[in-house]
């Protein structure tokens, strides 16, 4: 399922590259792990092979990520719970899902909330977490360093209304051509 060299996304730790498969003896049992070099840090993560399907997924390809970002950021914001605890629980569940589409929705929704009223420190941290996860995926998909991916992604977020206008224009063109 996963091989050395694969670009992967961990459901909570984000982007990385599998650098090796490693066997380790723990007590009297031999266990096999995938060793992942996390993007943008000196940290590695060891994921038991039998849990890899639950915790890891292949990183998106460039075209798929572009579609997800364009449609997700330009989409209509989803209402977030007004109660802070409920909102945090709701957003954390989306971030821990490991799904790019969910991360994009979190960025869109919290950015929209920030446009309406200033985000609390907790909401800002959740937004930063979502942006970090997406930045890692962006870096892997585009083959750019993580420090370049973050600003490019933030630029897309800032231009999300332009993206929405382009979506409407292109859908209108298709209707008149059809």
N, C-alpha and C. Protein backbone atom coordinates (compact mmCIF):
# COMPACT_ATOMS: atom_id res chain seq x y z
N UNK A 1 0.83 -1.19 0.00
CA UNK A 1 0.00 0.00 0.00
C UNK A 1 0.87 1.26 0.00
N UNK A 2 1.83 1.36 0.91
CA UNK A 2 2.74 2.50 0.96
C UNK A 2 4.15 2.01 0.73
N UNK A 3 4.93 2.85 0.05
CA UNK A 3 6.31 2.49 -0.26
C UNK A 3 7.25 3.61 0.15
N UNK A 4 8.52 3.27 0.28
CA UNK A 4 9.54 4.26 0.55
C UNK A 4 9.53 5.27 -0.59
N UNK A 5 9.56 6.55 -0.24
CA UNK A 5 9.53 7.63 -1.23
C UNK A 5 8.14 8.22 -1.44
N UNK A 6 7.10 7.54 -0.94
CA UNK A 6 5.74 8.06 -1.10
C UNK A 6 5.57 9.36 -0.33
N UNK A 7 4.86 10.30 -0.94
CA UNK A 7 4.48 11.55 -0.28
C UNK A 7 3.14 11.27 0.38
N UNK A 8 3.10 11.46 1.69
CA UNK A 8 1.90 11.08 2.45
C UNK A 8 1.44 12.21 3.36
N UNK A 9 0.19 12.10 3.76
CA UNK A 9 -0.40 13.01 4.73
C UNK A 9 -0.83 12.18 5.93
N UNK A 10 -0.35 12.56 7.11
CA UNK A 10 -0.79 11.94 8.35
C UNK A 10 -2.00 12.72 8.82
N UNK A 11 -2.99 12.04 9.37
CA UNK A 11 -4.25 12.69 9.71
C UNK A 11 -4.11 13.85 10.70
N UNK A 12 -3.10 13.83 11.56
CA UNK A 12 -2.94 14.97 12.48
C UNK A 12 -1.58 15.65 12.39
N UNK A 13 -0.56 14.94 11.94
CA UNK A 13 0.78 15.53 11.90
C UNK A 13 1.10 16.20 10.57
N UNK A 14 0.29 15.93 9.54
CA UNK A 14 0.48 16.61 8.26
C UNK A 14 1.38 15.89 7.29
N UNK A 15 2.08 16.69 6.47
CA UNK A 15 2.82 16.19 5.32
C UNK A 15 4.16 15.57 5.66
N UNK A 16 4.50 14.54 4.90
CA UNK A 16 5.79 13.91 5.06
C UNK A 16 6.10 12.98 3.91
N UNK A 17 7.29 12.43 3.97
CA UNK A 17 7.75 11.48 2.96
C UNK A 17 8.22 10.23 3.69
N UNK A 18 7.79 9.08 3.20
CA UNK A 18 8.23 7.82 3.81
C UNK A 18 9.69 7.60 3.43
N UNK A 19 10.54 7.50 4.44
CA UNK A 19 11.97 7.34 4.20
C UNK A 19 12.45 5.90 4.34
N UNK A 20 11.73 5.09 5.12
CA UNK A 20 12.13 3.69 5.26
C UNK A 20 11.04 2.88 5.93
N UNK A 21 11.18 1.58 5.76
CA UNK A 21 10.38 0.63 6.53
C UNK A 21 11.35 0.02 7.52
N UNK A 22 10.91 -0.02 8.77
CA UNK A 22 11.84 -0.44 9.83
C UNK A 22 11.18 -1.50 10.70
N UNK A 23 11.92 -2.55 10.97
CA UNK A 23 11.44 -3.58 11.89
C UNK A 23 12.10 -3.36 13.24
N UNK A 24 11.28 -3.47 14.28
CA UNK A 24 11.80 -3.30 15.64
C UNK A 24 11.23 -4.40 16.53
N UNK A 25 12.09 -4.90 17.38
CA UNK A 25 11.67 -5.90 18.35
C UNK A 25 11.20 -5.17 19.61
N UNK A 26 9.93 -5.34 19.94
CA UNK A 26 9.39 -4.75 21.16
C UNK A 26 8.85 -5.92 21.98
N UNK A 27 9.34 -6.03 23.17
CA UNK A 27 9.16 -7.23 24.01
C UNK A 27 9.62 -8.42 23.18
N UNK A 28 8.74 -9.36 22.94
CA UNK A 28 9.15 -10.53 22.17
C UNK A 28 8.53 -10.56 20.79
N UNK A 29 7.95 -9.45 20.40
CA UNK A 29 7.26 -9.39 19.12
C UNK A 29 7.99 -8.45 18.16
N UNK A 30 8.07 -8.87 16.90
CA UNK A 30 8.68 -8.04 15.86
C UNK A 30 7.59 -7.17 15.23
N UNK A 31 7.80 -5.87 15.19
CA UNK A 31 6.83 -4.93 14.61
C UNK A 31 7.47 -4.21 13.44
N UNK A 32 6.66 -3.91 12.44
CA UNK A 32 7.15 -3.20 11.26
C UNK A 32 6.52 -1.81 11.23
N UNK A 33 7.35 -0.79 10.97
CA UNK A 33 6.91 0.60 10.97
C UNK A 33 7.29 1.30 9.67
N UNK A 34 6.50 2.29 9.32
CA UNK A 34 6.88 3.22 8.26
C UNK A 34 7.49 4.42 8.96
N UNK A 35 8.67 4.82 8.54
CA UNK A 35 9.33 6.00 9.10
C UNK A 35 9.06 7.15 8.14
N UNK A 36 8.49 8.22 8.69
CA UNK A 36 8.09 9.37 7.87
C UNK A 36 8.86 10.60 8.32
N UNK A 37 9.54 11.22 7.36
CA UNK A 37 10.20 12.50 7.62
C UNK A 37 9.15 13.58 7.43
N UNK A 38 8.82 14.26 8.51
CA UNK A 38 7.80 15.30 8.44
C UNK A 38 8.35 16.52 7.72
N UNK A 39 7.54 17.09 6.87
CA UNK A 39 7.94 18.24 6.08
C UNK A 39 8.15 19.45 6.98
N UNK A 40 9.21 20.18 6.72
CA UNK A 40 9.45 21.42 7.43
C UNK A 40 10.01 21.26 8.82
N UNK A 41 10.46 20.06 9.19
CA UNK A 41 11.04 19.88 10.51
C UNK A 41 12.07 18.76 10.46
N UNK A 42 12.80 18.63 11.54
CA UNK A 42 13.77 17.54 11.65
C UNK A 42 13.13 16.30 12.27
N UNK A 43 11.83 16.37 12.50
CA UNK A 43 11.13 15.28 13.18
C UNK A 43 10.79 14.14 12.23
N UNK A 44 10.82 12.95 12.80
CA UNK A 44 10.33 11.78 12.07
C UNK A 44 9.19 11.18 12.89
N UNK A 45 8.37 10.46 12.21
CA UNK A 45 7.21 9.82 12.81
C UNK A 45 7.24 8.36 12.41
N UNK A 46 6.98 7.48 13.36
CA UNK A 46 6.92 6.06 13.06
C UNK A 46 5.47 5.59 13.19
N UNK A 47 4.96 5.05 12.10
CA UNK A 47 3.58 4.59 12.07
C UNK A 47 3.59 3.07 11.86
N UNK A 48 2.96 2.32 12.77
CA UNK A 48 2.89 0.87 12.56
C UNK A 48 2.22 0.56 11.22
N UNK A 49 2.79 -0.34 10.47
CA UNK A 49 2.25 -0.65 9.14
C UNK A 49 0.79 -1.06 9.21
N UNK A 50 0.43 -1.81 10.25
CA UNK A 50 -0.97 -2.26 10.35
C UNK A 50 -1.93 -1.10 10.61
N UNK A 51 -1.45 0.06 11.02
CA UNK A 51 -2.30 1.23 11.26
C UNK A 51 -2.16 2.28 10.16
N UNK A 52 -1.31 2.03 9.19
CA UNK A 52 -1.04 3.03 8.14
C UNK A 52 -2.30 3.41 7.38
N UNK A 53 -3.16 2.46 7.08
CA UNK A 53 -4.39 2.76 6.33
C UNK A 53 -5.33 3.69 7.06
N UNK A 54 -5.28 3.67 8.39
CA UNK A 54 -6.14 4.53 9.19
C UNK A 54 -5.53 5.92 9.40
N UNK A 55 -4.22 6.00 9.44
CA UNK A 55 -3.55 7.25 9.80
C UNK A 55 -2.93 8.00 8.63
N UNK A 56 -2.68 7.29 7.53
CA UNK A 56 -2.00 7.91 6.39
C UNK A 56 -2.85 7.83 5.14
N UNK A 57 -2.58 8.75 4.24
CA UNK A 57 -3.12 8.67 2.88
C UNK A 57 -2.09 9.29 1.95
N UNK A 58 -2.20 8.95 0.69
CA UNK A 58 -1.32 9.55 -0.31
C UNK A 58 -1.64 11.05 -0.39
N UNK A 59 -0.64 11.86 -0.58
CA UNK A 59 -0.86 13.30 -0.77
C UNK A 59 -1.56 13.50 -2.11
N UNK A 60 -2.36 14.55 -2.19
CA UNK A 60 -3.07 14.88 -3.43
C UNK A 60 -2.07 15.22 -4.54
N UNK A 61 -2.47 14.92 -5.75
CA UNK A 61 -1.72 15.36 -6.92
C UNK A 61 -2.05 16.83 -7.15
N UNK A 62 -1.20 17.50 -7.89
CA UNK A 62 -1.32 18.95 -8.12
C UNK A 62 -2.70 19.34 -8.67
N UNK A 63 -3.15 18.68 -9.72
CA UNK A 63 -4.43 19.06 -10.35
C UNK A 63 -5.60 18.84 -9.40
N UNK A 64 -5.58 17.72 -8.68
CA UNK A 64 -6.67 17.44 -7.74
C UNK A 64 -6.69 18.47 -6.61
N UNK A 65 -5.52 18.83 -6.12
CA UNK A 65 -5.45 19.83 -5.05
C UNK A 65 -5.94 21.18 -5.55
N UNK A 66 -5.56 21.55 -6.76
CA UNK A 66 -6.02 22.83 -7.32
C UNK A 66 -7.55 22.87 -7.39
N UNK A 67 -8.15 21.77 -7.86
CA UNK A 67 -9.62 21.71 -7.94
C UNK A 67 -10.24 21.85 -6.56
N UNK A 68 -9.70 21.11 -5.59
CA UNK A 68 -10.24 21.18 -4.22
C UNK A 68 -10.11 22.59 -3.64
N UNK A 69 -8.96 23.21 -3.84
CA UNK A 69 -8.75 24.56 -3.31
C UNK A 69 -9.66 25.57 -4.00
N UNK A 70 -9.73 25.50 -5.32
CA UNK A 70 -10.54 26.46 -6.07
C UNK A 70 -12.01 26.35 -5.72
N UNK A 71 -12.53 25.12 -5.77
CA UNK A 71 -13.96 24.96 -5.49
C UNK A 71 -14.27 25.17 -4.00
N UNK A 72 -13.39 24.68 -3.13
CA UNK A 72 -13.63 24.79 -1.70
C UNK A 72 -13.52 26.20 -1.17
N UNK A 73 -12.48 26.92 -1.57
CA UNK A 73 -12.30 28.29 -1.07
C UNK A 73 -13.35 29.24 -1.63
N UNK A 74 -13.79 28.97 -2.86
CA UNK A 74 -14.76 29.87 -3.48
C UNK A 74 -16.21 29.50 -3.14
N UNK A 75 -16.39 28.37 -2.47
CA UNK A 75 -17.74 27.92 -2.12
C UNK A 75 -18.38 28.76 -1.03
N UNK A 76 -19.64 28.52 -0.85
CA UNK A 76 -20.40 29.22 0.19
C UNK A 76 -19.96 28.73 1.56
N UNK A 77 -19.63 29.64 2.47
CA UNK A 77 -19.19 29.21 3.82
C UNK A 77 -20.29 28.42 4.54
N UNK A 78 -19.85 27.42 5.28
CA UNK A 78 -20.76 26.61 6.09
C UNK A 78 -20.86 27.31 7.45
N UNK A 79 -22.05 27.42 7.94
CA UNK A 79 -22.22 28.03 9.25
C UNK A 79 -21.52 27.23 10.34
N UNK A 80 -20.81 27.93 11.20
CA UNK A 80 -20.14 27.28 12.31
C UNK A 80 -20.96 27.48 13.58
N UNK A 81 -20.89 26.53 14.50
CA UNK A 81 -21.61 26.71 15.77
C UNK A 81 -21.19 28.00 16.47
N UNK A 82 -22.14 28.67 17.07
CA UNK A 82 -21.84 29.93 17.77
C UNK A 82 -21.10 29.68 19.08
N UNK A 83 -21.45 28.60 19.78
CA UNK A 83 -20.80 28.27 21.03
C UNK A 83 -19.36 27.84 20.76
N UNK A 84 -18.42 28.46 21.47
CA UNK A 84 -17.01 28.20 21.22
C UNK A 84 -16.64 26.73 21.37
N UNK A 85 -17.10 26.07 22.43
CA UNK A 85 -16.75 24.66 22.65
C UNK A 85 -17.29 23.77 21.53
N UNK A 86 -18.52 24.03 21.13
CA UNK A 86 -19.10 23.25 20.03
C UNK A 86 -18.34 23.51 18.72
N UNK A 87 -18.01 24.78 18.48
CA UNK A 87 -17.29 25.14 17.27
C UNK A 87 -15.92 24.46 17.24
N UNK A 88 -15.21 24.50 18.37
CA UNK A 88 -13.88 23.89 18.45
C UNK A 88 -13.98 22.38 18.18
N UNK A 89 -14.94 21.73 18.81
CA UNK A 89 -15.13 20.29 18.62
C UNK A 89 -15.44 19.98 17.15
N UNK A 90 -16.30 20.78 16.56
CA UNK A 90 -16.71 20.61 15.15
C UNK A 90 -15.49 20.77 14.22
N UNK A 91 -14.72 21.83 14.43
CA UNK A 91 -13.57 22.11 13.58
C UNK A 91 -12.47 21.07 13.79
N UNK A 92 -12.19 20.71 15.03
CA UNK A 92 -11.15 19.71 15.30
C UNK A 92 -11.49 18.38 14.64
N UNK A 93 -12.75 18.00 14.64
CA UNK A 93 -13.16 16.75 13.99
C UNK A 93 -12.84 16.81 12.50
N UNK A 94 -13.09 17.95 11.88
CA UNK A 94 -12.79 18.10 10.45
C UNK A 94 -11.28 18.05 10.20
N UNK A 95 -10.51 18.69 11.07
CA UNK A 95 -9.06 18.70 10.89
C UNK A 95 -8.47 17.31 11.10
N UNK A 96 -9.00 16.57 12.06
CA UNK A 96 -8.49 15.23 12.35
C UNK A 96 -8.97 14.18 11.35
N UNK A 97 -9.91 14.56 10.49
CA UNK A 97 -10.41 13.61 9.49
C UNK A 97 -9.33 13.21 8.50
N UNK A 98 -8.35 14.09 8.32
CA UNK A 98 -7.29 13.81 7.35
C UNK A 98 -7.69 14.10 5.92
N UNK A 99 -8.86 14.66 5.72
CA UNK A 99 -9.38 14.90 4.37
C UNK A 99 -9.12 16.34 3.92
N UNK A 100 -8.48 16.47 2.79
CA UNK A 100 -8.14 17.79 2.25
C UNK A 100 -9.38 18.66 2.09
N UNK A 101 -10.45 18.08 1.58
CA UNK A 101 -11.68 18.85 1.37
C UNK A 101 -12.18 19.45 2.69
N UNK A 102 -12.08 18.70 3.78
CA UNK A 102 -12.51 19.20 5.09
C UNK A 102 -11.59 20.34 5.55
N UNK A 103 -10.29 20.19 5.32
CA UNK A 103 -9.34 21.23 5.72
C UNK A 103 -9.62 22.53 4.97
N UNK A 104 -9.88 22.40 3.67
CA UNK A 104 -10.19 23.59 2.86
C UNK A 104 -11.45 24.26 3.40
N UNK A 105 -12.46 23.45 3.75
CA UNK A 105 -13.70 24.01 4.31
C UNK A 105 -13.45 24.74 5.61
N UNK A 106 -12.58 24.22 6.45
CA UNK A 106 -12.25 24.88 7.71
C UNK A 106 -11.59 26.23 7.44
N UNK A 107 -10.64 26.26 6.50
CA UNK A 107 -9.98 27.52 6.16
C UNK A 107 -11.00 28.52 5.64
N UNK A 108 -11.86 28.08 4.73
CA UNK A 108 -12.89 28.95 4.17
C UNK A 108 -13.81 29.49 5.27
N UNK A 109 -14.31 28.60 6.12
CA UNK A 109 -15.30 28.99 7.12
C UNK A 109 -14.71 29.88 8.21
N UNK A 110 -13.51 29.55 8.68
CA UNK A 110 -12.90 30.40 9.71
C UNK A 110 -12.44 31.74 9.14
N UNK A 111 -12.00 31.74 7.89
CA UNK A 111 -11.62 33.01 7.25
C UNK A 111 -12.85 33.89 7.08
N UNK A 112 -13.96 33.27 6.69
CA UNK A 112 -15.21 34.03 6.57
C UNK A 112 -15.64 34.58 7.92
N UNK A 113 -15.50 33.76 8.95
CA UNK A 113 -15.85 34.22 10.31
C UNK A 113 -14.94 35.38 10.71
N UNK A 114 -13.66 35.31 10.34
CA UNK A 114 -12.72 36.38 10.65
C UNK A 114 -13.11 37.67 9.91
N UNK A 115 -13.65 37.53 8.70
CA UNK A 115 -14.11 38.71 7.96
C UNK A 115 -15.30 39.37 8.66
N UNK A 116 -16.14 38.56 9.31
CA UNK A 116 -17.34 39.07 9.98
C UNK A 116 -17.00 39.70 11.32
N UNK A 117 -16.15 39.01 12.06
CA UNK A 117 -15.71 39.52 13.36
C UNK A 117 -14.39 38.86 13.69
N UNK A 118 -13.59 39.55 14.42
CA UNK A 118 -12.24 39.07 14.74
C UNK A 118 -12.30 37.70 15.42
N UNK A 119 -11.40 36.80 14.99
CA UNK A 119 -11.36 35.45 15.56
C UNK A 119 -10.79 35.48 16.98
N UNK A 120 -11.30 34.59 17.81
CA UNK A 120 -10.71 34.41 19.14
C UNK A 120 -9.36 33.74 18.98
N UNK A 121 -8.57 33.73 20.01
CA UNK A 121 -7.25 33.09 19.97
C UNK A 121 -7.40 31.61 19.63
N UNK A 122 -8.38 30.93 20.20
CA UNK A 122 -8.60 29.51 19.91
C UNK A 122 -8.98 29.27 18.46
N UNK A 123 -9.87 30.10 17.92
CA UNK A 123 -10.25 29.98 16.51
C UNK A 123 -9.06 30.27 15.59
N UNK A 124 -8.24 31.25 15.97
CA UNK A 124 -7.04 31.59 15.18
C UNK A 124 -6.09 30.40 15.15
N UNK A 125 -5.94 29.70 16.29
CA UNK A 125 -5.06 28.53 16.33
C UNK A 125 -5.60 27.42 15.43
N UNK A 126 -6.91 27.24 15.42
CA UNK A 126 -7.51 26.22 14.55
C UNK A 126 -7.29 26.58 13.08
N UNK A 127 -7.46 27.86 12.75
CA UNK A 127 -7.23 28.31 11.38
C UNK A 127 -5.76 28.08 11.00
N UNK A 128 -4.84 28.41 11.88
CA UNK A 128 -3.42 28.21 11.60
C UNK A 128 -3.11 26.72 11.40
N UNK A 129 -3.73 25.86 12.20
CA UNK A 129 -3.53 24.41 12.06
C UNK A 129 -4.00 23.96 10.67
N UNK A 130 -5.19 24.42 10.27
CA UNK A 130 -5.73 24.05 8.96
C UNK A 130 -4.82 24.54 7.84
N UNK A 131 -4.35 25.77 7.96
CA UNK A 131 -3.45 26.33 6.93
C UNK A 131 -2.14 25.54 6.90
N UNK A 132 -1.62 25.16 8.07
CA UNK A 132 -0.39 24.36 8.11
C UNK A 132 -0.58 23.02 7.41
N UNK A 133 -1.71 22.35 7.68
CA UNK A 133 -1.97 21.07 7.03
C UNK A 133 -2.04 21.24 5.51
N UNK A 134 -2.79 22.24 5.07
CA UNK A 134 -2.92 22.49 3.63
C UNK A 134 -1.60 22.93 3.00
N UNK A 135 -0.82 23.70 3.73
CA UNK A 135 0.47 24.14 3.21
C UNK A 135 1.39 22.94 2.96
N UNK A 136 1.36 21.99 3.86
CA UNK A 136 2.16 20.78 3.67
C UNK A 136 1.72 20.01 2.44
N UNK A 137 0.43 19.89 2.27
CA UNK A 137 -0.07 19.17 1.09
C UNK A 137 0.27 19.94 -0.18
N UNK A 138 0.15 21.26 -0.13
CA UNK A 138 0.50 22.12 -1.26
C UNK A 138 1.98 21.94 -1.61
N UNK A 139 2.84 21.94 -0.60
CA UNK A 139 4.28 21.78 -0.83
C UNK A 139 4.59 20.45 -1.51
N UNK A 140 3.97 19.37 -1.04
CA UNK A 140 4.20 18.06 -1.65
C UNK A 140 3.67 18.03 -3.08
N UNK A 141 2.48 18.56 -3.31
CA UNK A 141 1.86 18.52 -4.63
C UNK A 141 2.63 19.35 -5.65
N UNK A 142 3.15 20.48 -5.21
CA UNK A 142 3.82 21.40 -6.14
C UNK A 142 5.35 21.26 -6.13
N UNK A 143 5.87 20.43 -5.24
CA UNK A 143 7.31 20.24 -5.17
C UNK A 143 8.06 21.49 -4.77
N UNK A 144 7.45 22.25 -3.85
CA UNK A 144 8.09 23.49 -3.37
C UNK A 144 8.37 23.34 -1.88
N UNK A 145 9.32 24.11 -1.36
CA UNK A 145 9.57 24.07 0.09
C UNK A 145 8.35 24.54 0.87
N UNK A 146 8.21 24.02 2.06
CA UNK A 146 7.08 24.37 2.92
C UNK A 146 6.99 25.87 3.15
N UNK A 147 8.15 26.52 3.32
CA UNK A 147 8.13 27.97 3.58
C UNK A 147 7.63 28.77 2.38
N UNK A 148 7.66 28.19 1.17
CA UNK A 148 7.09 28.85 -0.01
C UNK A 148 5.61 28.52 -0.17
N UNK A 149 5.22 27.34 0.28
CA UNK A 149 3.84 26.90 0.11
C UNK A 149 2.87 27.72 0.95
N UNK A 150 3.25 28.03 2.19
CA UNK A 150 2.36 28.79 3.07
C UNK A 150 1.92 30.12 2.49
N UNK A 151 2.85 30.97 2.06
CA UNK A 151 2.45 32.26 1.48
C UNK A 151 1.61 32.10 0.20
N UNK A 152 1.93 31.10 -0.62
CA UNK A 152 1.14 30.89 -1.85
C UNK A 152 -0.29 30.49 -1.50
N UNK A 153 -0.42 29.63 -0.50
CA UNK A 153 -1.75 29.21 -0.07
C UNK A 153 -2.51 30.39 0.53
N UNK A 154 -1.86 31.16 1.38
CA UNK A 154 -2.51 32.33 1.98
C UNK A 154 -2.95 33.34 0.92
N UNK A 155 -2.18 33.45 -0.15
CA UNK A 155 -2.56 34.33 -1.25
C UNK A 155 -3.85 33.83 -1.90
N UNK A 156 -3.97 32.51 -2.07
CA UNK A 156 -5.21 31.95 -2.63
C UNK A 156 -6.38 32.23 -1.71
N UNK A 157 -6.17 32.11 -0.41
CA UNK A 157 -7.24 32.37 0.55
C UNK A 157 -7.68 33.83 0.45
N UNK A 158 -6.72 34.74 0.34
CA UNK A 158 -7.05 36.16 0.23
C UNK A 158 -7.81 36.46 -1.07
N UNK A 159 -7.53 35.67 -2.10
CA UNK A 159 -8.19 35.89 -3.40
C UNK A 159 -9.41 34.99 -3.60
N UNK A 160 -9.94 34.43 -2.52
CA UNK A 160 -11.02 33.45 -2.65
C UNK A 160 -12.26 34.04 -3.32
N UNK A 161 -12.50 35.34 -3.15
CA UNK A 161 -13.67 35.96 -3.80
C UNK A 161 -13.46 36.05 -5.31
N UNK A 162 -12.22 36.29 -5.73
CA UNK A 162 -11.91 36.28 -7.16
C UNK A 162 -12.12 34.88 -7.73
N UNK A 163 -11.71 33.87 -6.98
CA UNK A 163 -11.91 32.49 -7.42
C UNK A 163 -13.39 32.19 -7.60
N UNK A 164 -14.20 32.68 -6.67
CA UNK A 164 -15.65 32.46 -6.76
C UNK A 164 -16.20 33.13 -8.00
N UNK A 165 -15.75 34.36 -8.29
CA UNK A 165 -16.21 35.06 -9.49
C UNK A 165 -15.84 34.30 -10.75
N UNK A 166 -14.62 33.75 -10.79
CA UNK A 166 -14.19 32.97 -11.96
C UNK A 166 -15.03 31.72 -12.12
N UNK A 167 -15.37 31.08 -10.99
CA UNK A 167 -16.20 29.87 -11.04
C UNK A 167 -17.56 30.20 -11.67
N UNK A 168 -18.15 31.32 -11.24
CA UNK A 168 -19.46 31.72 -11.77
C UNK A 168 -19.35 32.03 -13.26
N UNK A 169 -18.30 32.77 -13.65
CA UNK A 169 -18.11 33.12 -15.05
C UNK A 169 -17.96 31.87 -15.91
N UNK A 170 -17.13 30.93 -15.48
CA UNK A 170 -16.89 29.75 -16.29
C UNK A 170 -18.13 28.86 -16.35
N UNK A 171 -18.90 28.78 -15.26
CA UNK A 171 -20.12 27.96 -15.32
C UNK A 171 -21.14 28.63 -16.23
N UNK A 172 -21.19 29.95 -16.25
CA UNK A 172 -22.09 30.66 -17.16
C UNK A 172 -21.71 30.46 -18.60
N UNK A 173 -20.41 30.45 -18.90
CA UNK A 173 -19.93 30.20 -20.26
C UNK A 173 -20.36 28.82 -20.73
N UNK A 174 -20.23 27.82 -19.86
CA UNK A 174 -20.61 26.47 -20.25
C UNK A 174 -22.10 26.38 -20.55
N UNK A 175 -22.90 27.08 -19.76
CA UNK A 175 -24.34 27.03 -19.99
C UNK A 175 -24.70 27.66 -21.34
N UNK A 176 -24.05 28.79 -21.68
CA UNK A 176 -24.40 29.43 -22.95
C UNK A 176 -23.86 28.64 -24.12
N UNK A 177 -22.74 27.89 -23.92
CA UNK A 177 -22.22 27.07 -25.01
C UNK A 177 -23.03 25.79 -25.17
N UNK A 178 -23.64 25.33 -24.07
CA UNK A 178 -24.35 24.05 -24.10
C UNK A 178 -25.65 24.20 -24.71
